[in-house]
Amino acid sequence: MEDGGQRRRWEYWWVALRFSLLMCFGENVSAQIRYSVPEEVKEGTVVGNIAKDLGIDISTLADRRFRIVSGSKDALFQVNQNNGVLFVNTHIDREQQCDGNTACLINLKIAVENPLEIHYVGIEITDVNDNPPSFAEKYLILEIAENTLTGTRFELQTARDLDVGMNNVRMYRLSSNAYFELEVIDNGDEDKVPFLILKKSIDREQNSNHSLTLTATDGGNPARSGTLNITIIVLDTNDNRPICGKDVYSATIQENTPIGTSVITIIANDTDYGHNGEVEYSMGRNMKRKVHDTFQLDSKTGAIKVIGLVNFEENEVHKLTIQASDKGSPPLSTDCRVVIKITDINDNKPEIEVTSLLNIIPEDSKPGTVISLISVTDKDSGMNGKVILTMAHSVPFELKPSYQENVYSVVTKVHLDREVVSHYDITITATDCGQPPLSSIKTLSVQISDVNDNRPEFSQNPVELYLLENNAAGSSIFSVSASDNDLHENAGISYNIVRGESKQNDLASFLNVNSDNGQISALKTFDFETLKTFQFQVVATDSGTPSLSSNVTVNVFLLDQNDNAPVILYPVSANGSAEGVEEIPRNVNAGHLVTKVRAYDADIGYNGWLLFSLQEVSDHTLFSLDRYTGQIRTLRSFTETDEAEHKLVILVKDNGNVSLSATATVIINAVEPKEAFAASDVKSSVKDDDENNVTFYLIITLGSVSTLFLVSIIVLIVMQCSKTPDYSSKYLQDTNYDGTLCHSIQYRSGDKRYMLVGPRMSIGSTIVPGSNGNTLVVPDHRRGASGEGVCRIAAIHVSLSRA
């Protein structure tokens, strides 16, 4: 009944404590629970249900990673994640875990996540009577002078019992005898010291020795006991004891005092003479082993010096009992008390313990995200044990103190960017306040994981492609490439061409792009004579969720190839062949213009520049051919021996790398002057009519071209002056490209053809009479970037040839 009432009181106290903590600290409060369990219990013994006592839903324990994060180094206890039960994991021996008579308390930290909570559990290990009292020695020999006064006390060996409380030594019992009795004195440290008291004078002549048995019994149930065999030897008279110079000797030294340092000297005086007055010093029998390991006593001088490590954290005060004995027979002795106080120095570095750590965090984590919980301790005391925790300012993290002293959380303080820094080594420094201060360093390694926050990027936009005409259909003509600063699937890029209803997008339908590598192929063959330039757009899309994309504009400029042979315009026969007959008087002088071979080439530049040469001629001395104009003239006057009919085969070829050619045949008949004049009149009449028609058509053409040109110039100037200098628009920006050196325009008048040959005109060019150059100077659009909005007009020369 008493146990049940006590348990109910404990439960009421626990509920009240939980309520108070929740009211004070909110949902993440860490509570303190205490259990008790006796030592020597079987493994698996249930200590208590932590989850139930903390009010945590048992079904969420596994998901919230319910676990012990610190505590006993030997893992004395474990928790069951299925039901929250705390059980004994291994054999418990209180005497191994705890030293002394104080309560043996094992502190555990219990952690649960989502949200993160830390709970503290204290487990008191209660003692059972599993150790009997024992003496350091089985036999004790005492020498007592025969003139020893009754009532004299002799300190005996103290029995030690590893158990505590009621299970510790409770009583001593001395075997029955006529001369001695037992007295037990409590020394204030919960140790009972037995003393042997002489109750009746002894006489060596009657009995030279006495054998006694000292029995120590503990308070357990059943009780355990141990014995000490005491042999008392009766000596002859030595009736003066040594006397200590002070009741209590005291000294203060710092910890870590160098070995060999003298601490204090004990002086005891004996008024006897000779050996009976010579004093020797020795450590008391009941000194702890640590005292013997730390200090050494000079038996002759009574000087105490340091022989081992002096550690404040292990013992703040050492209490010594020094026995001063003379050399009499029997010797007399007295006990001198020595108290040595240890002052603390800063000799322990702070210790940093990482309780929890998230090694990988996404780059889109919000500021204030907790990535680690750490605690710091220092074994020193006072200011030497006060610790300051710092973190490098170069990382985007900061320390946040907890409500519990020396417990901190590491949180993000700004937004993270994996593309800038993908890995952080967070260096945490713990420094105490001692002089000089000591510090320790802990490095946390954190990896930043990627999210899809970067679009694919093209290195150049727009891109210019110069493509030769007559490309092979289906072959690759170009490739685009974009890069993405993200990782893995977020950086996987696919390509596609923008298709739509505009004219430019109609041309894009004849293009195909490899979605994996951006390789662009043409599905048709392009012809420079029908299409000079066009543009299309390629979109690069990553594989992230959601996906991001960007596009690039590709401006395509077709380059001319020599794929058109010259075409003979004159002479042309009725059946369409390049043949003609010319009649000239026989009396013409040298240099007379016989006729002119006319031809044109659909190509441009050097590919359309035609040269004339005589491939076959009946008389090389009679006719010459101008290689540039195609004019046939006489080299000399006709003689009577010259033939009346002469055949000339003229070869017309272009200036392409692989030149193409055509031939024309001219038959020249030399006739008498009267016949020639008649034919000339007819031809002159026709020629005048043709020339008038050609002049009329040329005037109309030049007027139309000039009007269109002026309108284009006005529109261009308005556009240039109204927009900002942005050369990344959808219009073609290559100012150095006209695609040709020369261009030809054909006109027809009746059944005769005429050709206008000259440099090709582009936007911003004009015709300047009197110019001798056949070069097109392209306007410098870069001057427009200065904001003047003025376009430089270049000049070209167009030479008109009349057939």
Foldseek 3Di string as FASTA:
>chain_A
DVVVVVVVVVLVVLVVQLVVQCVVPNDQGAEEAEWEEAAQDDFFAWTAQPCVSNVHDLVCQVVQVWWWLDWDPVCQWTADSNGRTITGHDHDDQLVQDAAQDWRKIKIWIWTPPPTHIYIYIYTHAYAQPWAWEFPDQEAEAEAAQPDDFFDKAWDTFTATSHYDQSTWDDKAKDDDDFWDWDWDDPPRNTIIIIITGHDGDDCVVPQKDWMKMKIWGRHVVIHIYIHIYMYGYWHDLDWEWAWPDQEAEFEEAFPDDFPAWTDATDTFTPDDDQQTQKFKDWDPPADPVCVCFWDAHRRTRIITGHHGGDCLVPQKGKTWMWIWGRDIVIHIDTHIYIYGYDYALDWAKDKDWSFADQEEAQQDAWFAWGTKMFIFTSTDDQSTAKDKAWDPVDQWGWDDDPDPRIITITGHHGGDCLVPFKDWIKMKIWTRGVVIHIDIDTRIHGYAYAQDWAWAFPDAAAEFEAEFPDDAPDFRDFTDTFTSTDDQSGQKFKFWDADDDPLNVLVVQWGAGGRGRTIGGRDTGACLVDAKGKTKMKIWGRGVVIHIDIHMYIYGYAYALPWEKDWQPPADPVGAQEEEWEDALFDFFFAWGDATDIFTSTFAQSTQKFKDWPDKPDPQFWDAHGRGRTITGHGGHDPPDDQKMKTKMWMWGRGPPIHIDIHIYIYGHDHVVVNVVVVVVVVVVLVVQQVVVVVVVVVVVVVVVVVLVVLQVVLLVVLLPDAPDQSDNDDDDQVDPNHQKHKDWDDDDPHIAIWIAGDDDRQEDEDPPDPDRGWDGWDCVVSNVNPSDIHYTYHYTDGDDD
